[in-house]
């Protein structure tokens, strides 16, 4: 007798529970053998139909031979027995990365088993389960795995995955596809909802991330210059974003980046910006445009980060303006009294330097600080001080007005020169940031 014949019963006879379940067990045993890689031929369409028909017939018989409830219980018992006798022992034998690989394999096999059993038992879902308001076959399948397997292994799985992530952070090559497959299980167990992923994995992963980067930052802040530190921080943030795209779930990205930003930037913001010889003042002093741009990118991502940077920017520009004015005042005091009533060469040079200084830091705002309003405000406030300073008996504002008037006369009396026009535009820009002339 063929295996297909063993799985069939004539339509007319009543099928007793033991008789029908004996047929179903033949199919279940064959399915288990296939999943374990034992030499079994694949199911034919006739075999699948015979198994479905057996369940169907056992469910439509008149009482007391309607075995719908019994079949529902046996479906559940089949999955419980498979998890206890096959899945759990195979997982308990392995540890670390090997355990993860075994989990991925067993979860894939289990899904195949649930799917195949569903095809045979699906008549229960259509009528008995719906009528009795009971969990569906697939819900029973998920619950069996969750209660018997997932609950036992979730902590070990979480710890192994976090350990591998830390190893990758230290430069070791890891199997990213494996981690993605493992973490997908957390989502699948939750039927697409992320509760299990967030509670059983993500929370611990984020805590570990904070600890990891806290340790790194405590060393880097002592060893590295501000530009070197920023390069490391930017690289770390990029790598964490890559981890999300490769194997972590997308809902982790913002939370993960905030942990890194907090430990690397927020905790040490003041120390970094004020670092001697390499902090924000030094970057501004030496015109380190690339580093200033990187500083803006990083500090714009943390709370009040740009407030701190713009304050230092304002302090720095204010100090430069004050130095420029003091130099001009010193030179003016040394001039002869009879020449103080005209705009001499020294005053023109002073105004020219003020225009160049303003243009220099306006370029920083444009090229490094993305034209952010905080930095325009800082520049304006720094040059408002310049407006009220007196040089050679005239206020800076008056000198600038005279300077602009001189340029305008040149433009009217000569052919328009691009350099002169450019200087006039820069002077107008400085005038705007000086505020109203007193």
Protein backbone atom coordinates (compact mmCIF):
# COMPACT_ATOMS: atom_id res chain seq x y z
CA UNK A 1 0.00 0.00 0.00
CA UNK A 2 1.37 3.44 -0.93
CA UNK A 3 1.78 6.24 1.59
CA UNK A 4 -0.99 8.13 -0.19
CA UNK A 5 -3.33 5.17 0.26
CA UNK A 6 -2.51 5.04 3.98
CA UNK A 7 -3.55 8.70 4.24
CA UNK A 8 -6.98 8.18 2.62
CA UNK A 9 -10.36 6.95 3.83
CA UNK A 10 -13.49 6.34 1.82
CA UNK A 11 -15.92 9.26 1.99
CA UNK A 12 -18.84 7.15 3.23
CA UNK A 13 -17.48 5.70 6.46
CA UNK A 14 -17.41 7.52 9.80
CA UNK A 15 -13.88 8.36 10.91
CA UNK A 16 -13.16 7.70 14.56
CA UNK A 17 -10.73 10.03 16.35
CA UNK A 18 -7.92 7.47 16.75
CA UNK A 19 -8.32 6.26 13.19
CA UNK A 20 -8.23 9.78 11.73
CA UNK A 21 -5.41 10.95 13.96
CA UNK A 22 -3.33 7.93 12.93
CA UNK A 23 -3.55 9.20 9.35
CA UNK A 24 -2.62 12.75 10.39
CA UNK A 25 0.35 11.47 12.38
CA UNK A 26 1.72 9.80 9.25
CA UNK A 27 1.76 13.16 7.51
CA UNK A 28 3.18 14.97 10.55
CA UNK A 29 5.97 12.42 10.96
CA UNK A 30 6.89 12.74 7.28
CA UNK A 31 6.92 16.54 7.64
CA UNK A 32 9.24 16.36 10.65
CA UNK A 33 11.59 14.06 8.75
CA UNK A 34 11.73 16.45 5.81
CA UNK A 35 12.48 19.38 8.13
CA UNK A 36 15.28 17.40 9.79
CA UNK A 37 16.81 16.63 6.41
CA UNK A 38 16.05 12.91 6.49
CA UNK A 39 15.50 11.07 3.18
CA UNK A 40 11.82 11.67 2.51
CA UNK A 41 10.14 12.54 -0.80
CA UNK A 42 8.24 15.83 -0.91
CA UNK A 43 4.52 15.80 -0.37
CA UNK A 44 2.46 15.22 -3.48
CA UNK A 45 -0.71 17.17 -4.15
CA UNK A 46 -2.65 13.95 -3.55
CA UNK A 47 -1.11 13.51 -0.10
CA UNK A 48 -1.86 17.11 0.87
CA UNK A 49 -5.43 16.74 -0.31
CA UNK A 50 -5.87 13.45 1.59
CA UNK A 51 -4.71 15.03 4.83
CA UNK A 52 -6.93 18.09 4.37
CA UNK A 53 -9.88 15.85 3.52
CA UNK A 54 -9.34 13.75 6.63
CA UNK A 55 -9.59 16.83 8.85
CA UNK A 56 -12.54 18.14 6.87
CA UNK A 57 -14.46 14.87 7.20
CA UNK A 58 -13.74 14.62 10.93
CA UNK A 59 -15.14 18.14 11.42
CA UNK A 60 -18.40 17.78 9.46
CA UNK A 61 -19.55 14.50 11.02
CA UNK A 62 -22.63 14.55 13.22
CA UNK A 63 -22.16 14.51 16.98
CA UNK A 64 -20.71 12.66 18.79
CA UNK A 65 -18.28 12.21 15.87
CA UNK A 66 -17.58 15.89 15.23
CA UNK A 67 -13.94 16.01 16.36
CA UNK A 68 -13.26 19.70 15.67
CA UNK A 69 -12.34 20.54 19.26
CA UNK A 70 -10.16 17.44 19.63
CA UNK A 71 -8.34 18.20 16.38
CA UNK A 72 -7.77 21.79 17.52
CA UNK A 73 -6.17 20.48 20.73
CA UNK A 74 -4.08 17.93 18.87
CA UNK A 75 -2.84 20.62 16.49
CA UNK A 76 -1.64 22.58 19.51
CA UNK A 77 -0.13 19.46 21.15
CA UNK A 78 1.73 18.66 17.93
CA UNK A 79 3.43 22.06 17.93
CA UNK A 80 4.18 21.89 21.66
CA UNK A 81 5.71 18.43 21.29
CA UNK A 82 7.83 19.58 18.33
CA UNK A 83 9.18 22.57 20.25
CA UNK A 84 9.92 20.52 23.37
CA UNK A 85 11.42 17.44 21.73
CA UNK A 86 13.19 18.98 18.74
CA UNK A 87 13.64 22.76 18.83
CA UNK A 88 14.68 23.34 22.44
CA UNK A 89 17.21 20.45 22.69
CA UNK A 90 18.95 21.63 19.51
CA UNK A 91 19.23 25.18 20.86
CA UNK A 92 20.41 24.11 24.32
CA UNK A 93 23.33 22.24 22.77
CA UNK A 94 24.78 25.36 21.14
CA UNK A 95 26.04 28.70 22.40
CA UNK A 96 27.15 32.10 21.14
CA UNK A 97 27.07 32.57 17.36
CA UNK A 98 26.38 28.88 16.74
CA UNK A 99 23.26 29.16 18.86
CA UNK A 100 22.08 32.11 16.76
CA UNK A 101 22.56 30.12 13.58
CA UNK A 102 20.63 27.21 15.04
CA UNK A 103 17.84 29.56 16.13
CA UNK A 104 17.49 31.00 12.62
CA UNK A 105 17.36 27.48 11.18
CA UNK A 106 14.83 26.21 13.75
CA UNK A 107 12.63 29.26 13.39
CA UNK A 108 12.57 28.83 9.60
CA UNK A 109 11.69 25.13 10.00
CA UNK A 110 9.02 25.94 12.55
CA UNK A 111 7.37 28.44 10.21
CA UNK A 112 7.33 25.79 7.48
CA UNK A 113 5.73 23.35 9.89
CA UNK A 114 3.04 25.81 10.98
CA UNK A 115 2.35 26.74 7.38
CA UNK A 116 1.99 23.11 6.28
CA UNK A 117 -0.17 22.15 9.25
CA UNK A 118 -2.35 25.17 8.54
CA UNK A 119 -2.99 23.85 5.03
CA UNK A 120 -4.20 20.55 6.47
CA UNK A 121 -6.18 21.96 9.43
CA UNK A 122 -7.47 25.18 7.85
CA UNK A 123 -11.11 24.02 7.91
CA UNK A 124 -10.91 24.55 11.69
CA UNK A 125 -10.08 28.20 11.12
CA UNK A 126 -13.00 28.70 8.79
CA UNK A 127 -15.76 27.38 11.01
CA UNK A 128 -14.97 25.94 14.43
CA UNK A 129 -12.45 28.56 15.56
CA UNK A 130 -14.51 31.45 14.23
CA UNK A 131 -17.67 30.15 15.82
CA UNK A 132 -16.00 29.51 19.20
CA UNK A 133 -13.98 32.79 19.22
CA UNK A 134 -10.74 30.90 19.81
CA UNK A 135 -7.19 31.84 18.74
CA UNK A 136 -6.52 31.08 15.08
CA UNK A 137 -4.18 28.29 14.02
CA UNK A 138 -1.38 30.73 13.23
CA UNK A 139 -1.87 32.54 16.53
CA UNK A 140 -1.59 29.20 18.33
CA UNK A 141 1.60 28.51 16.39
CA UNK A 142 3.19 31.80 17.44
CA UNK A 143 2.11 31.41 21.06
CA UNK A 144 3.55 27.90 21.30
CA UNK A 145 6.95 29.07 20.08
CA UNK A 146 6.84 32.18 22.27
CA UNK A 147 5.91 30.35 25.45
CA UNK A 148 8.13 27.29 25.04
CA UNK A 149 11.17 28.55 23.11
CA UNK A 150 11.37 32.33 22.95
CA UNK A 151 10.91 32.90 26.68
CA UNK A 152 13.75 30.53 27.48
CA UNK A 153 16.32 31.80 24.98
CA UNK A 154 15.55 35.53 24.58
CA UNK A 155 18.07 36.73 27.18
CA UNK A 156 20.92 34.63 25.83
CA UNK A 157 20.07 35.63 22.27
CA UNK A 158 20.00 39.30 23.24
CA UNK A 159 23.35 39.11 25.01
CA UNK A 160 25.04 37.29 22.13
CA UNK A 161 23.75 39.81 19.59
CA UNK A 162 24.89 42.77 21.72
CA UNK A 163 28.30 41.15 22.17
CA UNK A 164 28.66 40.78 18.40
CA UNK A 165 27.65 44.41 17.88
CA UNK A 166 30.35 45.53 20.32
CA UNK A 167 32.87 43.32 18.52
CA UNK A 168 31.94 44.98 15.25
CA UNK A 169 32.40 48.39 16.87
CA UNK A 170 35.92 47.30 17.73
CA UNK A 171 36.61 46.47 14.09
CA UNK A 172 35.83 42.76 13.92
CA UNK A 173 33.98 41.43 10.89
CA UNK A 174 30.65 39.88 11.86
CA UNK A 175 27.84 38.14 9.99
CA UNK A 176 25.40 41.02 9.61
CA UNK A 177 22.87 38.89 7.71
CA UNK A 178 22.74 36.50 10.66
CA UNK A 179 21.99 39.34 13.08
CA UNK A 180 19.26 40.67 10.80
CA UNK A 181 17.63 37.24 10.64
CA UNK A 182 17.81 36.87 14.42
CA UNK A 183 16.37 40.33 15.11
CA UNK A 184 13.59 39.73 12.59
CA UNK A 185 12.42 36.93 14.87
CA UNK A 186 11.74 39.47 17.65
CA UNK A 187 9.42 41.33 15.28
CA UNK A 188 7.78 38.21 13.87
CA UNK A 189 7.04 36.84 17.33
CA UNK A 190 5.12 40.07 17.93
CA UNK A 191 3.12 39.61 14.71
CA UNK A 192 4.70 42.70 13.19
CA UNK A 193 4.39 44.82 16.32
CA UNK A 194 7.70 45.88 17.84
CA UNK A 195 6.91 45.30 21.50
CA UNK A 196 9.16 42.24 21.87
CA UNK A 197 11.96 43.83 19.85
CA UNK A 198 11.87 46.99 21.96
CA UNK A 199 11.45 45.38 25.38
CA UNK A 200 13.53 42.21 24.99
CA UNK A 201 16.36 43.53 22.81
CA UNK A 202 16.44 47.23 22.04
CA UNK A 203 16.33 48.52 25.63
CA UNK A 204 19.40 46.48 26.62
CA UNK A 205 21.17 47.30 23.36
CA UNK A 206 20.71 51.04 23.91
CA UNK A 207 21.97 50.75 27.49
CA UNK A 208 25.04 48.88 26.27
CA UNK A 209 25.58 51.52 23.58
CA UNK A 210 25.62 54.27 26.21
CA UNK A 211 28.16 52.40 28.28
CA UNK A 212 30.35 51.61 25.29
CA UNK A 213 30.58 55.19 24.04
CA UNK A 214 30.90 56.61 27.54
CA UNK A 215 34.07 54.55 27.96
CA UNK A 216 35.37 55.62 24.55
CA UNK A 217 34.65 59.31 25.17
CA UNK A 218 36.41 59.32 28.54
CA UNK A 219 39.61 58.24 26.79
CA UNK A 220 39.30 60.32 23.63
CA UNK A 221 38.65 63.57 25.53
CA UNK A 222 42.08 63.18 27.15
CA UNK A 223 43.98 61.93 24.12
CA UNK A 224 42.62 63.77 21.09
CA UNK A 225 42.45 67.31 19.79
CA UNK A 226 38.99 68.72 19.10
CA UNK A 227 39.21 68.07 15.32
CA UNK A 228 40.42 64.48 15.88
CA UNK A 229 37.67 63.86 18.43
CA UNK A 230 35.02 65.20 16.04
CA UNK A 231 36.23 62.94 13.23
CA UNK A 232 35.89 59.93 15.51
CA UNK A 233 32.44 61.03 16.68
CA UNK A 234 31.23 61.58 13.13
CA UNK A 235 32.58 58.19 12.07
CA UNK A 236 30.84 56.49 15.01
CA UNK A 237 27.52 58.10 14.12
CA UNK A 238 27.86 57.01 10.51
CA UNK A 239 28.66 53.43 11.53
CA UNK A 240 25.65 53.30 13.86
CA UNK A 241 23.41 54.47 11.03
CA UNK A 242 24.91 51.74 8.87
CA UNK A 243 24.06 49.17 11.55
CA UNK A 244 20.44 50.22 11.39
CA UNK A 245 20.38 49.86 7.63
CA UNK A 246 22.12 46.46 7.75
CA UNK A 247 20.44 44.63 10.63
CA UNK A 248 18.81 46.75 13.33
CA UNK A 249 15.19 47.79 12.91
CA UNK A 250 14.53 51.29 11.58
CA UNK A 251 12.71 52.31 14.78
CA UNK A 252 16.07 52.07 16.60
CA UNK A 253 17.87 54.67 14.49
CA UNK A 254 16.90 57.90 16.25
CA UNK A 255 17.18 56.39 19.73
CA UNK A 256 20.56 54.85 18.91
CA UNK A 257 22.00 58.06 17.46
CA UNK A 258 20.77 60.05 20.46
CA UNK A 259 22.65 57.70 22.80
CA UNK A 260 25.86 58.16 20.81
CA UNK A 261 25.41 61.93 20.55
CA UNK A 262 24.74 62.19 24.26
CA UNK A 263 27.84 60.26 25.32
CA UNK A 264 30.27 61.65 22.73
CA UNK A 265 29.05 65.23 22.38
CA UNK A 266 26.54 66.43 24.96
CA UNK A 267 28.43 65.17 28.02
CA UNK A 268 31.70 66.76 26.88
CA UNK A 269 30.37 69.74 24.87
CA UNK A 270 31.97 72.47 26.99
CA UNK A 271 35.30 70.66 27.30
CA UNK A 272 35.45 70.05 23.57
CA UNK A 273 34.54 73.59 22.51
CA UNK A 274 36.96 75.14 25.02
CA UNK A 275 39.87 72.77 24.35
CA UNK A 276 43.12 74.70 24.53
CA UNK A 277 44.87 75.16 21.16
CA UNK A 278 42.24 73.13 19.25
CA UNK A 279 38.78 74.20 20.45
CA UNK A 280 36.26 76.43 18.71
CA UNK A 281 38.32 79.61 19.24
CA UNK A 282 41.35 77.99 17.59
CA UNK A 283 39.31 76.75 14.63
CA UNK A 284 37.96 80.28 14.09
CA UNK A 285 41.37 81.85 14.59
CA UNK A 286 43.10 79.63 12.03
CA UNK A 287 40.20 79.44 9.56
CA UNK A 288 39.73 75.66 9.75
CA UNK A 289 36.70 75.63 7.47
CA UNK A 290 36.36 71.85 7.20
CA UNK A 291 36.55 71.40 10.97
CA UNK A 292 34.12 74.28 11.55
CA UNK A 293 31.64 72.65 9.16
CA UNK A 294 32.01 69.33 10.96
CA UNK A 295 31.52 71.08 14.31
CA UNK A 296 28.29 72.61 13.02
CA UNK A 297 27.01 69.27 11.74
CA UNK A 298 27.68 67.53 15.02
CA UNK A 299 26.56 70.19 17.48
CA UNK A 300 23.39 70.96 15.52
CA UNK A 301 22.23 67.46 16.49
CA UNK A 302 22.38 67.91 20.27
CA UNK A 303 20.15 70.05 22.54
CA UNK A 304 21.41 73.66 22.77
CA UNK A 305 24.53 72.62 20.87
CA UNK A 306 24.39 75.55 18.46
CA UNK A 307 23.68 77.95 21.30
CA UNK A 308 27.05 77.10 22.79
CA UNK A 309 28.85 77.34 19.44
CA UNK A 310 27.22 80.65 18.47
CA UNK A 311 28.11 82.15 21.87
CA UNK A 312 31.76 81.27 21.35
CA UNK A 313 31.53 82.63 17.80
CA UNK A 314 30.15 85.90 19.15
CA UNK A 315 32.88 86.08 21.83
CA UNK A 316 35.56 85.47 19.24
CA UNK A 317 34.28 88.05 16.74
CA UNK A 318 33.70 90.61 19.51
CA UNK A 319 37.31 90.16 20.66
CA UNK A 320 38.60 90.60 17.09
CA UNK A 321 36.52 93.74 16.63
CA UNK A 322 37.76 95.12 19.96
CA UNK A 323 41.37 94.45 18.95
CA UNK A 324 40.86 96.17 15.61
CA UNK A 325 39.29 99.23 17.26
CA UNK A 326 42.05 99.45 19.89
CA UNK A 327 44.72 99.39 17.19
CA UNK A 328 42.94 102.18 15.32
CA UNK A 329 42.54 104.23 18.51
CA UNK A 330 46.23 103.87 19.31
CA UNK A 331 47.18 104.98 15.80
CA UNK A 332 44.74 107.90 15.95
CA UNK A 333 46.31 109.20 19.18
CA UNK A 334 49.67 109.29 17.49
CA UNK A 335 48.44 111.40 14.57
CA UNK A 336 49.17 115.10 14.33
CA UNK A 337 46.39 117.33 15.64
CA UNK A 338 46.08 119.30 12.40
CA UNK A 339 45.14 116.14 10.40
CA UNK A 340 42.30 114.92 12.62
CA UNK A 341 39.59 116.76 10.70
CA UNK A 342 39.88 114.71 7.51
CA UNK A 343 39.47 111.02 6.72
CA UNK A 344 43.10 110.05 6.39
CA UNK A 345 44.75 106.96 5.12
CA UNK A 346 44.75 105.36 8.60
CA UNK A 347 40.98 105.75 8.94
CA UNK A 348 40.42 104.30 5.47
CA UNK A 349 42.62 101.36 6.38
CA UNK A 350 40.68 100.90 9.62
CA UNK A 351 37.32 100.85 7.85
CA UNK A 352 38.71 98.54 5.20
CA UNK A 353 39.92 96.13 7.85
CA UNK A 354 36.52 96.23 9.57
CA UNK A 355 34.83 95.40 6.27
CA UNK A 356 37.26 92.54 5.63
CA UNK A 357 36.75 91.20 9.15
CA UNK A 358 32.99 91.25 8.77
CA UNK A 359 33.23 89.62 5.34
CA UNK A 360 35.50 86.90 6.73
CA UNK A 361 33.05 85.81 9.42
CA UNK A 362 30.06 86.23 7.13
CA UNK A 363 31.78 83.67 4.88
CA UNK A 364 32.08 81.32 7.88
CA UNK A 365 28.34 81.64 8.45
CA UNK A 366 27.59 80.96 4.80
CA UNK A 367 30.07 78.17 4.17
CA UNK A 368 30.34 76.45 7.57
CA UNK A 369 27.20 77.29 9.54
CA UNK A 370 24.52 76.85 6.85
CA UNK A 371 23.41 80.50 7.19
CA UNK A 372 21.87 79.67 10.54
CA UNK A 373 20.10 82.62 12.15
CA UNK A 374 21.89 82.14 15.48
CA UNK A 375 25.23 82.98 13.85
CA UNK A 376 23.87 85.96 11.91
CA UNK A 377 22.53 87.27 15.22
CA UNK A 378 25.90 86.66 16.91
CA UNK A 379 27.75 88.50 14.13
CA UNK A 380 25.32 91.42 14.27
CA UNK A 381 25.65 91.76 18.04
CA UNK A 382 29.44 91.59 17.84
CA UNK A 383 29.57 94.46 15.31
CA UNK A 384 26.99 96.58 17.13
CA UNK A 385 29.78 97.26 19.65
CA UNK A 386 31.90 98.52 16.76
CA UNK A 387 29.24 101.09 15.88
CA UNK A 388 29.66 103.07 19.10
CA UNK A 389 33.44 103.15 19.15
CA UNK A 390 35.24 106.47 18.48
CA UNK A 391 38.41 106.64 16.41
CA UNK A 392 40.22 109.89 15.73
CA UNK A 393 37.32 111.97 17.00
CA UNK A 394 34.72 110.25 14.83
CA UNK A 395 32.51 107.27 15.60
CA UNK A 396 33.03 104.06 13.66
CA UNK A 397 29.61 104.56 12.14
CA UNK A 398 30.57 108.03 10.87
CA UNK A 399 33.83 106.74 9.46
CA UNK A 400 32.00 103.98 7.66
CA UNK A 401 29.45 106.43 6.26
CA UNK A 402 32.22 108.68 4.97
CA UNK A 403 34.00 105.66 3.50
CA UNK A 404 30.84 104.60 1.66
CA UNK A 405 30.29 108.16 0.44
CA UNK A 406 33.83 108.26 -0.94
CA UNK A 407 33.24 104.99 -2.81
CA UNK A 408 29.95 106.27 -4.19
CA UNK A 409 31.68 109.38 -5.54
CA UNK A 410 34.27 107.19 -7.24
CA UNK A 411 31.54 105.13 -8.87
CA UNK A 412 29.83 108.30 -10.16
CA UNK A 413 33.02 109.92 -11.43
CA UNK A 414 34.60 106.83 -13.00
CA UNK A 415 33.47 103.87 -15.04
CA UNK A 416 31.91 101.22 -12.75
CA UNK A 417 34.65 99.03 -11.40
CA UNK A 418 33.73 95.52 -10.16
CA UNK A 419 36.18 95.68 -7.24
CA UNK A 420 34.81 99.03 -6.07
CA UNK A 421 31.24 97.80 -6.39
CA UNK A 422 32.12 94.67 -4.41
CA UNK A 423 33.69 96.76 -1.65
CA UNK A 424 30.57 98.91 -1.49
CA UNK A 425 28.36 95.83 -1.10
CA UNK A 426 30.55 94.55 1.71
CA UNK A 427 30.37 97.93 3.42
CA UNK A 428 26.57 97.88 3.12
CA UNK A 429 26.51 94.42 4.67
CA UNK A 430 28.60 95.64 7.59
CA UNK A 431 26.30 98.65 8.00
CA UNK A 432 23.28 96.36 8.32
CA UNK A 433 24.95 94.35 11.09
CA UNK A 434 26.00 97.49 12.95
CA UNK A 435 22.36 98.37 13.53
CA UNK A 436 20.94 101.92 13.45
CA UNK A 437 23.56 104.63 13.43
CA UNK A 438 23.25 106.76 16.59
